[in-house]
């Protein structure tokens, strides 16, 4: 090791290990202060000193910026890593609540989908006064099972917390038959709520993976035959009243033909769309949905972010 290398190592040890300032280092090494700055810079460039940022918030911010730029999104929010699936889902819900509430003053209508992640958002929502705001369900929600995840229930909870107006979607998410679906389609009352949903200022929807996990499966909407059809048609994800494939394109199935609510094409025409997801099994669904110009704001957990 020559004399300059020794000086670089000595300067680095004094500055980074012993917290000696550059002026004092210059005196100890009998060199000028600018020379010390040069020695420290060279220590980093040559790898003698390696600086790493450990703060998770800063690392999250950098990852968010990278994903936003990569996919052309206005916002990407990533929850911190957590020990359990429920904790990860809750953190995504918390982020969603903070994001939405920071933007509610500039919007008049907020559309809400369904699912367990959106239930966490409703639970995390704070109490405010937004008298001019209206909450609009984006998919049918009068089914009796798992009420807490239904769109109407979520709309009600949010309206109570935000002290605002609320509409209800008096139809099931999936009709019992095509004939019943046609009957709902003819209802002016249902057409009115769908029209309101199509024209909200901001829509919040959860993305699922119908093969691995989704609200539809948990609510018992899928039969074994339906599951086989999903696999045969390469369905990779679901969002509101649409199932989609690896190109992010809608896929017609026995279930989708009976669904009542806002679809993927409708979402593309809404001013701002917030998509939330938690669970690594949903990463492919998000990745393929990003092929379509639908998502403006993406709120996900760290496992999905790592995949994207």
Protein backbone atom coordinates (compact mmCIF):
# COMPACT_ATOMS: atom_id res chain seq x y z
CA UNK A 1 0.00 0.00 0.00
CA UNK A 2 1.58 3.29 -1.10
CA UNK A 3 1.48 6.53 0.89
CA UNK A 4 -1.60 7.92 -0.92
CA UNK A 5 -3.56 4.72 -0.30
CA UNK A 6 -2.61 4.93 3.38
CA UNK A 7 -3.84 8.53 3.50
CA UNK A 8 -7.15 7.57 1.85
CA UNK A 9 -7.73 4.76 4.36
CA UNK A 10 -6.68 6.95 7.30
CA UNK A 11 -8.97 9.80 6.20
CA UNK A 12 -11.88 7.38 5.68
CA UNK A 13 -11.42 5.79 9.11
CA UNK A 14 -11.25 9.15 10.86
CA UNK A 15 -14.27 10.57 9.02
CA UNK A 16 -16.63 7.60 8.84
CA UNK A 17 -15.64 5.58 11.91
CA UNK A 18 -14.47 8.20 14.43
CA UNK A 19 -16.64 11.12 13.24
CA UNK A 20 -13.67 13.49 12.99
CA UNK A 21 -14.48 16.53 10.85
CA UNK A 22 -12.54 17.30 7.67
CA UNK A 23 -10.69 20.29 9.15
CA UNK A 24 -9.25 18.19 11.99
CA UNK A 25 -8.36 15.38 9.55
CA UNK A 26 -6.47 17.89 7.41
CA UNK A 27 -4.44 18.95 10.47
CA UNK A 28 -3.62 15.34 11.42
CA UNK A 29 -2.55 14.43 7.88
CA UNK A 30 -0.78 17.77 7.30
CA UNK A 31 -2.77 18.41 4.11
CA UNK A 32 -5.35 20.98 3.02
CA UNK A 33 -9.09 20.56 3.68
CA UNK A 34 -9.87 20.31 -0.09
CA UNK A 35 -7.34 17.45 -0.26
CA UNK A 36 -9.22 15.64 2.51
CA UNK A 37 -12.47 16.04 0.54
CA UNK A 38 -10.73 14.55 -2.51
CA UNK A 39 -9.38 11.63 -0.47
CA UNK A 40 -12.85 10.85 0.93
CA UNK A 41 -14.41 11.04 -2.52
CA UNK A 42 -11.79 8.64 -3.88
CA UNK A 43 -12.43 6.26 -0.97
CA UNK A 44 -16.05 5.96 -2.07
CA UNK A 45 -15.26 5.72 -5.79
CA UNK A 46 -12.72 2.94 -5.24
CA UNK A 47 -15.03 0.97 -2.98
CA UNK A 48 -12.87 1.42 0.12
CA UNK A 49 -15.95 3.00 1.70
CA UNK A 50 -19.42 1.71 0.81
CA UNK A 51 -22.36 3.90 1.74
CA UNK A 52 -25.79 2.26 1.97
CA UNK A 53 -29.07 3.86 2.96
CA UNK A 54 -30.88 1.60 5.41
CA UNK A 55 -33.90 3.75 6.13
CA UNK A 56 -36.90 1.77 4.85
CA UNK A 57 -38.90 4.90 4.09
CA UNK A 58 -36.19 6.22 1.78
CA UNK A 59 -35.80 2.83 0.11
CA UNK A 60 -39.56 2.64 -0.35
CA UNK A 61 -39.62 6.10 -1.87
CA UNK A 62 -36.93 5.17 -4.39
CA UNK A 63 -38.78 1.97 -5.35
CA UNK A 64 -42.02 3.89 -5.73
CA UNK A 65 -40.36 6.39 -8.04
CA UNK A 66 -38.84 3.62 -10.15
CA UNK A 67 -42.17 1.80 -10.60
CA UNK A 68 -44.08 5.01 -11.32
CA UNK A 69 -41.63 5.88 -14.08
CA UNK A 70 -41.50 2.31 -15.44
CA UNK A 71 -45.27 2.00 -15.85
CA UNK A 72 -46.18 5.64 -16.45
CA UNK A 73 -48.22 5.99 -13.25
CA UNK A 74 -49.04 9.19 -11.38
CA UNK A 75 -48.57 7.57 -7.97
CA UNK A 76 -47.14 4.35 -6.57
CA UNK A 77 -47.35 3.65 -2.84
CA UNK A 78 -45.72 0.57 -1.31
CA UNK A 79 -46.42 -0.68 2.19
CA UNK A 80 -43.57 -1.84 4.38
CA UNK A 81 -42.81 -5.53 4.68
CA UNK A 82 -44.92 -7.31 7.28
CA UNK A 83 -45.00 -10.63 9.05
CA UNK A 84 -48.51 -11.72 8.09
CA UNK A 85 -50.94 -11.53 5.20
CA UNK A 86 -53.48 -9.66 7.31
CA UNK A 87 -50.91 -7.08 8.44
CA UNK A 88 -49.79 -6.51 4.85
CA UNK A 89 -53.40 -6.02 3.77
CA UNK A 90 -54.01 -3.61 6.66
CA UNK A 91 -50.94 -1.55 5.73
CA UNK A 92 -52.17 -1.26 2.13
CA UNK A 93 -55.56 -0.18 3.51
CA UNK A 94 -53.88 2.45 5.67
CA UNK A 95 -51.93 3.83 2.71
CA UNK A 96 -55.10 3.94 0.64
CA UNK A 97 -56.98 5.86 3.35
CA UNK A 98 -54.21 8.44 3.66
CA UNK A 99 -53.94 8.88 -0.11
CA UNK A 100 -57.69 9.20 -0.66
CA UNK A 101 -58.23 11.62 2.21
CA UNK A 102 -55.42 13.85 0.98
CA UNK A 103 -57.30 14.16 -2.32
CA UNK A 104 -60.96 14.33 -1.27
CA UNK A 105 -61.15 18.11 -1.16
CA UNK A 106 -60.70 18.30 -4.93
CA UNK A 107 -63.26 15.64 -5.94
CA UNK A 108 -67.04 15.42 -5.72
CA UNK A 109 -67.64 11.69 -6.21
CA UNK A 110 -65.74 8.62 -5.06
CA UNK A 111 -66.44 5.17 -6.52
CA UNK A 112 -65.77 2.10 -4.37
CA UNK A 113 -65.41 -1.53 -5.42
CA UNK A 114 -65.43 -4.54 -3.12
CA UNK A 115 -63.14 -7.02 -1.40
CA UNK A 116 -61.21 -7.59 1.81
CA UNK A 117 -58.44 -5.09 0.99
CA UNK A 118 -60.98 -2.32 0.42
CA UNK A 119 -62.60 -3.31 3.71
CA UNK A 120 -59.25 -2.56 5.38
CA UNK A 121 -59.29 0.84 3.66
CA UNK A 122 -62.77 1.58 5.05
CA UNK A 123 -61.66 0.49 8.52
CA UNK A 124 -58.62 2.78 8.34
CA UNK A 125 -60.57 5.80 7.07
CA UNK A 126 -60.61 8.77 9.45
CA UNK A 127 -63.57 10.94 10.40
CA UNK A 128 -63.94 14.08 8.27
CA UNK A 129 -66.59 16.45 6.95
CA UNK A 130 -66.95 16.33 3.16
CA UNK A 131 -70.56 17.46 2.76
CA UNK A 132 -70.25 17.87 -1.01
CA UNK A 133 -68.84 14.37 -1.56
CA UNK A 134 -70.84 11.37 -2.81
CA UNK A 135 -69.82 7.73 -2.38
CA UNK A 136 -70.90 5.45 -5.25
CA UNK A 137 -70.67 1.61 -5.27
CA UNK A 138 -69.16 0.32 -8.53
CA UNK A 139 -70.50 -3.23 -8.43
CA UNK A 140 -73.61 -4.95 -7.17
CA UNK A 141 -73.70 -5.47 -3.44
CA UNK A 142 -76.81 -6.94 -1.89
CA UNK A 143 -75.47 -10.46 -1.36
CA UNK A 144 -75.93 -11.66 2.19
CA UNK A 145 -72.60 -13.47 2.72
CA UNK A 146 -69.44 -11.65 3.88
CA UNK A 147 -71.34 -8.39 4.14
CA UNK A 148 -68.32 -6.45 5.37
CA UNK A 149 -66.59 -6.85 1.98
CA UNK A 150 -69.61 -5.84 -0.14
CA UNK A 151 -69.63 -2.56 -2.04
CA UNK A 152 -72.80 -1.23 -0.38
CA UNK A 153 -71.42 -1.88 3.10
CA UNK A 154 -68.13 -0.19 2.25
CA UNK A 155 -69.98 2.78 0.75
CA UNK A 156 -72.06 3.12 3.91
CA UNK A 157 -69.03 2.96 6.25
CA UNK A 158 -67.19 5.60 4.20
CA UNK A 159 -70.22 7.88 4.09
CA UNK A 160 -70.47 7.70 7.88
CA UNK A 161 -66.79 8.50 8.36
CA UNK A 162 -66.68 11.26 5.77
CA UNK A 163 -70.10 12.70 6.68
CA UNK A 164 -71.15 12.74 3.04
CA UNK A 165 -73.80 11.50 0.63
CA UNK A 166 -74.05 7.87 -0.45
CA UNK A 167 -75.78 5.84 -3.17
CA UNK A 168 -76.51 2.12 -3.07
CA UNK A 169 -76.33 -0.58 -5.73
CA UNK A 170 -79.50 -2.65 -5.32
CA UNK A 171 -78.40 -5.67 -7.33
CA UNK A 172 -76.11 -8.66 -6.76
CA UNK A 173 -72.56 -8.66 -8.07
CA UNK A 174 -73.44 -11.75 -10.08
CA UNK A 175 -76.99 -12.57 -11.15
CA UNK A 176 -78.29 -16.10 -10.67
CA UNK A 177 -78.95 -16.49 -14.39
CA UNK A 178 -78.62 -14.68 -17.71
CA UNK A 179 -82.36 -14.04 -17.64
CA UNK A 180 -82.08 -12.31 -14.28
CA UNK A 181 -79.09 -10.30 -15.54
CA UNK A 182 -81.21 -9.09 -18.48
CA UNK A 183 -83.94 -8.07 -16.07
CA UNK A 184 -81.51 -5.97 -14.04
CA UNK A 185 -80.12 -4.48 -17.26
CA UNK A 186 -83.60 -3.19 -18.09
CA UNK A 187 -84.04 -1.51 -14.71
CA UNK A 188 -83.77 2.26 -14.87
CA UNK A 189 -82.79 2.27 -11.21
CA UNK A 190 -79.79 0.02 -11.90
CA UNK A 191 -78.89 1.95 -15.03
CA UNK A 192 -78.80 5.16 -12.99
CA UNK A 193 -76.34 3.79 -10.42
CA UNK A 194 -74.12 2.36 -13.18
CA UNK A 195 -74.18 5.73 -14.93
CA UNK A 196 -73.11 7.44 -11.70
CA UNK A 197 -70.33 4.89 -11.31
CA UNK A 198 -69.04 5.54 -14.80
CA UNK A 199 -68.82 9.26 -14.05
CA UNK A 200 -67.15 9.36 -10.63
CA UNK A 201 -64.14 11.62 -10.23
CA UNK A 202 -62.09 8.88 -8.60
CA UNK A 203 -62.62 5.10 -8.53
CA UNK A 204 -61.01 2.71 -6.06
CA UNK A 205 -60.86 -0.94 -7.06
CA UNK A 206 -59.09 -4.06 -5.85
CA UNK A 207 -57.42 -6.54 -8.18
CA UNK A 208 -57.69 -10.27 -7.59
CA UNK A 209 -56.36 -13.50 -8.98
CA UNK A 210 -59.46 -15.65 -9.58
CA UNK A 211 -57.44 -18.84 -9.92
CA UNK A 212 -55.48 -18.36 -6.69
CA UNK A 213 -57.57 -16.01 -4.58
CA UNK A 214 -60.37 -13.49 -5.10
CA UNK A 215 -63.55 -12.13 -3.59
CA UNK A 216 -65.59 -14.18 -6.04
CA UNK A 217 -64.12 -17.46 -4.83
CA UNK A 218 -64.40 -16.51 -1.15
CA UNK A 219 -68.05 -15.59 -1.61
CA UNK A 220 -68.76 -18.97 -3.18
CA UNK A 221 -69.64 -17.69 -6.67
CA UNK A 222 -67.38 -20.18 -8.48
CA UNK A 223 -68.26 -23.79 -9.17
CA UNK A 224 -65.65 -26.34 -10.18
CA UNK A 225 -66.85 -25.94 -13.76
CA UNK A 226 -66.32 -22.18 -13.55
CA UNK A 227 -62.80 -22.68 -12.24
CA UNK A 228 -61.97 -25.03 -15.12
CA UNK A 229 -63.31 -22.46 -17.61
CA UNK A 230 -61.10 -19.77 -16.05
CA UNK A 231 -58.01 -21.92 -16.50
CA UNK A 232 -58.92 -22.92 -20.06
CA UNK A 233 -59.40 -19.28 -21.06
CA UNK A 234 -56.16 -18.19 -19.34
CA UNK A 235 -57.85 -15.79 -16.95
CA UNK A 236 -55.13 -14.20 -14.84
CA UNK A 237 -56.95 -11.47 -12.93
CA UNK A 238 -60.19 -9.75 -12.03
CA UNK A 239 -61.18 -6.17 -11.35
CA UNK A 240 -64.77 -5.21 -10.57
CA UNK A 241 -67.04 -6.78 -13.23
CA UNK A 242 -64.23 -7.97 -15.53
CA UNK A 243 -61.92 -10.97 -15.77
CA UNK A 244 -58.81 -10.42 -17.88
CA UNK A 245 -55.99 -12.41 -19.48
CA UNK A 246 -52.23 -11.97 -19.82
CA UNK A 247 -52.70 -9.16 -22.31
CA UNK A 248 -54.90 -7.28 -19.88
CA UNK A 249 -57.85 -7.91 -22.20
CA UNK A 250 -61.35 -8.78 -20.90
CA UNK A 251 -62.33 -12.45 -21.08
CA UNK A 252 -65.97 -13.52 -21.47
CA UNK A 253 -66.96 -16.39 -19.17
CA UNK A 254 -70.12 -17.87 -17.76
CA UNK A 255 -69.59 -15.75 -14.64
CA UNK A 256 -68.65 -12.48 -16.35
CA UNK A 257 -71.77 -12.58 -18.53
CA UNK A 258 -73.89 -12.49 -15.38
CA UNK A 259 -71.95 -9.76 -13.56
CA UNK A 260 -73.57 -6.41 -12.77
CA UNK A 261 -71.34 -3.38 -12.39
CA UNK A 262 -68.56 -1.27 -13.83
CA UNK A 263 -66.23 -3.11 -16.21
CA UNK A 264 -62.64 -2.58 -17.35
CA UNK A 265 -63.63 -0.45 -20.34
CA UNK A 266 -65.67 1.80 -18.05
CA UNK A 267 -62.69 2.20 -15.72
CA UNK A 268 -60.52 3.39 -18.60
CA UNK A 269 -62.85 6.35 -19.06
CA UNK A 270 -62.89 7.42 -15.39
CA UNK A 271 -60.75 10.45 -14.56
CA UNK A 272 -58.64 8.79 -11.87
CA UNK A 273 -58.41 5.12 -10.94
CA UNK A 274 -56.80 3.88 -7.74
CA UNK A 275 -55.95 0.17 -7.73
CA UNK A 276 -55.06 -1.65 -4.52
CA UNK A 277 -53.69 -5.14 -4.03
CA UNK A 278 -52.03 -7.24 -1.36
CA UNK A 279 -50.60 -10.74 -1.60
CA UNK A 280 -47.86 -12.06 -3.89
CA UNK A 281 -50.35 -14.24 -5.82
CA UNK A 282 -51.82 -11.03 -7.23
CA UNK A 283 -48.51 -9.78 -8.66
CA UNK A 284 -49.06 -11.36 -12.12
CA UNK A 285 -52.59 -9.92 -12.22
CA UNK A 286 -51.27 -6.41 -11.56
CA UNK A 287 -48.43 -6.85 -14.02
CA UNK A 288 -50.74 -7.82 -16.87
CA UNK A 289 -53.34 -5.18 -16.01
CA UNK A 290 -50.60 -2.57 -16.31
CA UNK A 291 -50.56 -3.32 -20.04
CA UNK A 292 -53.85 -1.42 -20.28
CA UNK A 293 -54.21 2.36 -19.74
CA UNK A 294 -56.40 2.05 -16.69
CA UNK A 295 -54.35 2.56 -13.50
CA UNK A 296 -53.41 6.07 -12.38
CA UNK A 297 -52.52 5.36 -8.74
CA UNK A 298 -51.22 1.99 -7.53
CA UNK A 299 -51.13 0.96 -3.86
CA UNK A 300 -49.49 -2.41 -3.19
CA UNK A 301 -47.48 -4.38 -0.66
CA UNK A 302 -43.74 -4.99 -0.78
CA UNK A 303 -44.03 -8.53 -2.19
CA UNK A 304 -45.96 -7.33 -5.25
CA UNK A 305 -43.57 -4.40 -5.66
CA UNK A 306 -40.57 -6.75 -5.69
CA UNK A 307 -42.14 -8.74 -8.53
CA UNK A 308 -43.01 -5.68 -10.59
